[in-house]
Amino acid sequence: MASTGQSVRLRVDAPQAEVVSRTREHVEDFVRYTADPDPRLRQAVIPALGIFLDDGYRVIALSPVLLAVASGCSP
């Protein structure tokens, strides 16, 4: 799939759109959680970043950290 430089948005119905929008406002918290000392929190944050972080290039930049977290290592 070729990148167009545009972010892909999750399609949601109106009631869920507000929840998604509010959660995206706190995406920097999710990014910080990738370095949390608790491995369970680091593991749980991976799907959230995939859903709420709109910047694909930033997700790629975080990939080494996310792979370490997914494999059970500390970032």
C-alpha atoms as a PDB file:
ATOM      1  CA  MET A   1       0.000   0.000   0.000  1.00  0.00           C
ATOM      2  CA  ALA A   2       1.502   3.336  -1.002  1.00  0.00           C
ATOM      3  CA  SER A   3       1.545   6.148   1.491  1.00  0.00           C
ATOM      4  CA  THR A   4      -0.185   9.341   0.474  1.00  0.00           C
ATOM      5  CA  GLY A   5       1.059  11.218   3.521  1.00  0.00           C
ATOM      6  CA  GLN A   6      -2.502  11.417   4.803  1.00  0.00           C
ATOM      7  CA  SER A   7      -3.591   9.843   8.040  1.00  0.00           C
ATOM      8  CA  VAL A   8      -6.234   7.165   8.075  1.00  0.00           C
ATOM      9  CA  ARG A   9      -9.126   7.761  10.425  1.00  0.00           C
ATOM     10  CA  LEU A  10     -11.117   5.082  12.159  1.00  0.00           C
ATOM     11  CA  ARG A  11     -14.743   5.219  10.995  1.00  0.00           C
ATOM     12  CA  VAL A  12     -17.146   5.398  13.892  1.00  0.00           C
ATOM     13  CA  ASP A  13     -20.745   6.381  14.495  1.00  0.00           C
ATOM     14  CA  ALA A  14     -21.532   9.776  16.019  1.00  0.00           C
ATOM     15  CA  PRO A  15     -21.675   8.665  19.707  1.00  0.00           C
ATOM     16  CA  GLN A  16     -18.337   6.865  19.447  1.00  0.00           C
ATOM     17  CA  ALA A  17     -16.743   9.709  17.482  1.00  0.00           C
ATOM     18  CA  GLU A  18     -16.602  11.889  20.573  1.00  0.00           C
ATOM     19  CA  VAL A  19     -14.940   9.109  22.561  1.00  0.00           C
ATOM     20  CA  VAL A  20     -12.377   8.550  19.804  1.00  0.00           C
ATOM     21  CA  SER A  21     -11.737  12.282  19.534  1.00  0.00           C
ATOM     22  CA  ARG A  22     -11.253  12.673  23.278  1.00  0.00           C
ATOM     23  CA  THR A  23      -8.963   9.661  23.410  1.00  0.00           C
ATOM     24  CA  ARG A  24      -6.832  11.052  20.574  1.00  0.00           C
ATOM     25  CA  GLU A  25      -6.388  14.210  22.644  1.00  0.00           C
ATOM     26  CA  HIS A  26      -4.423  12.050  25.107  1.00  0.00           C
ATOM     27  CA  VAL A  27      -2.364  10.096  22.591  1.00  0.00           C
ATOM     28  CA  GLU A  28       0.867  11.528  24.048  1.00  0.00           C
ATOM     29  CA  ASP A  29       0.013   9.733  27.296  1.00  0.00           C
ATOM     30  CA  PHE A  30      -0.184   6.477  25.346  1.00  0.00           C
ATOM     31  CA  VAL A  31       3.217   7.181  23.792  1.00  0.00           C
ATOM     32  CA  ARG A  32       4.701   7.780  27.272  1.00  0.00           C
ATOM     33  CA  TYR A  33       3.182   4.522  28.500  1.00  0.00           C
ATOM     34  CA  THR A  34       5.479   2.617  26.106  1.00  0.00           C
ATOM     35  CA  ALA A  35       8.298   3.428  28.561  1.00  0.00           C
ATOM     36  CA  ASP A  36       6.353   2.686  31.748  1.00  0.00           C
ATOM     37  CA  PRO A  37       8.079   0.331  34.211  1.00  0.00           C
ATOM     38  CA  ASP A  38       4.999  -1.921  34.301  1.00  0.00           C
ATOM     39  CA  PRO A  39       5.290  -4.440  31.440  1.00  0.00           C
ATOM     40  CA  ARG A  40       1.519  -5.034  31.493  1.00  0.00           C
ATOM     41  CA  LEU A  41       0.851  -1.362  30.776  1.00  0.00           C
ATOM     42  CA  ARG A  42       3.494  -1.295  28.027  1.00  0.00           C
ATOM     43  CA  GLN A  43       1.880  -4.359  26.451  1.00  0.00           C
ATOM     44  CA  ALA A  44      -1.635  -2.902  26.690  1.00  0.00           C
ATOM     45  CA  VAL A  45      -0.666   0.365  25.000  1.00  0.00           C
ATOM     46  CA  ILE A  46       0.319  -1.257  21.680  1.00  0.00           C
ATOM     47  CA  PRO A  47      -3.237  -1.659  20.281  1.00  0.00           C
ATOM     48  CA  ALA A  48      -4.199   1.806  21.527  1.00  0.00           C
ATOM     49  CA  LEU A  49      -1.362   3.394  19.561  1.00  0.00           C
ATOM     50  CA  GLY A  50      -2.448   1.522  16.469  1.00  0.00           C
ATOM     51  CA  ILE A  51      -5.951   2.900  16.796  1.00  0.00           C
ATOM     52  CA  PHE A  52      -5.444   6.411  18.116  1.00  0.00           C
ATOM     53  CA  LEU A  53      -2.066   7.604  16.782  1.00  0.00           C
ATOM     54  CA  ASP A  54      -2.846   9.149  13.407  1.00  0.00           C
ATOM     55  CA  ASP A  55       0.757   9.732  12.353  1.00  0.00           C
ATOM     56  CA  GLY A  56       1.914   6.590  10.545  1.00  0.00           C
ATOM     57  CA  TYR A  57       5.498   7.846  10.387  1.00  0.00           C
ATOM     58  CA  ARG A  58       5.528   8.269  14.152  1.00  0.00           C
ATOM     59  CA  VAL A  59       4.224   4.723  14.622  1.00  0.00           C
ATOM     60  CA  ILE A  60       7.092   3.517  12.434  1.00  0.00           C
ATOM     61  CA  ALA A  61       9.545   5.553  14.516  1.00  0.00           C
ATOM     62  CA  LEU A  62       8.146   3.894  17.646  1.00  0.00           C
ATOM     63  CA  SER A  63       8.354   0.418  16.083  1.00  0.00           C
ATOM     64  CA  PRO A  64      11.609  -0.637  17.796  1.00  0.00           C
ATOM     65  CA  VAL A  65      10.095   0.255  21.170  1.00  0.00           C
ATOM     66  CA  LEU A  66       6.805  -1.470  20.338  1.00  0.00           C
ATOM     67  CA  LEU A  67       8.600  -4.618  19.161  1.00  0.00           C
ATOM     68  CA  ALA A  68      10.632  -4.713  22.362  1.00  0.00           C
ATOM     69  CA  VAL A  69       7.464  -4.318  24.403  1.00  0.00           C
ATOM     70  CA  ALA A  70       5.646  -7.004  22.425  1.00  0.00           C
ATOM     71  CA  SER A  71       8.519  -9.435  22.958  1.00  0.00           C
ATOM     72  CA  GLY A  72       8.519  -8.765  26.697  1.00  0.00           C
ATOM     73  CA  CYS A  73      11.687  -6.674  26.821  1.00  0.00           C
ATOM     74  CA  SER A  74      12.051  -3.254  28.368  1.00  0.00           C
ATOM     75  CA  PRO A  75      12.278  -0.415  25.858  1.00  0.00           C
END
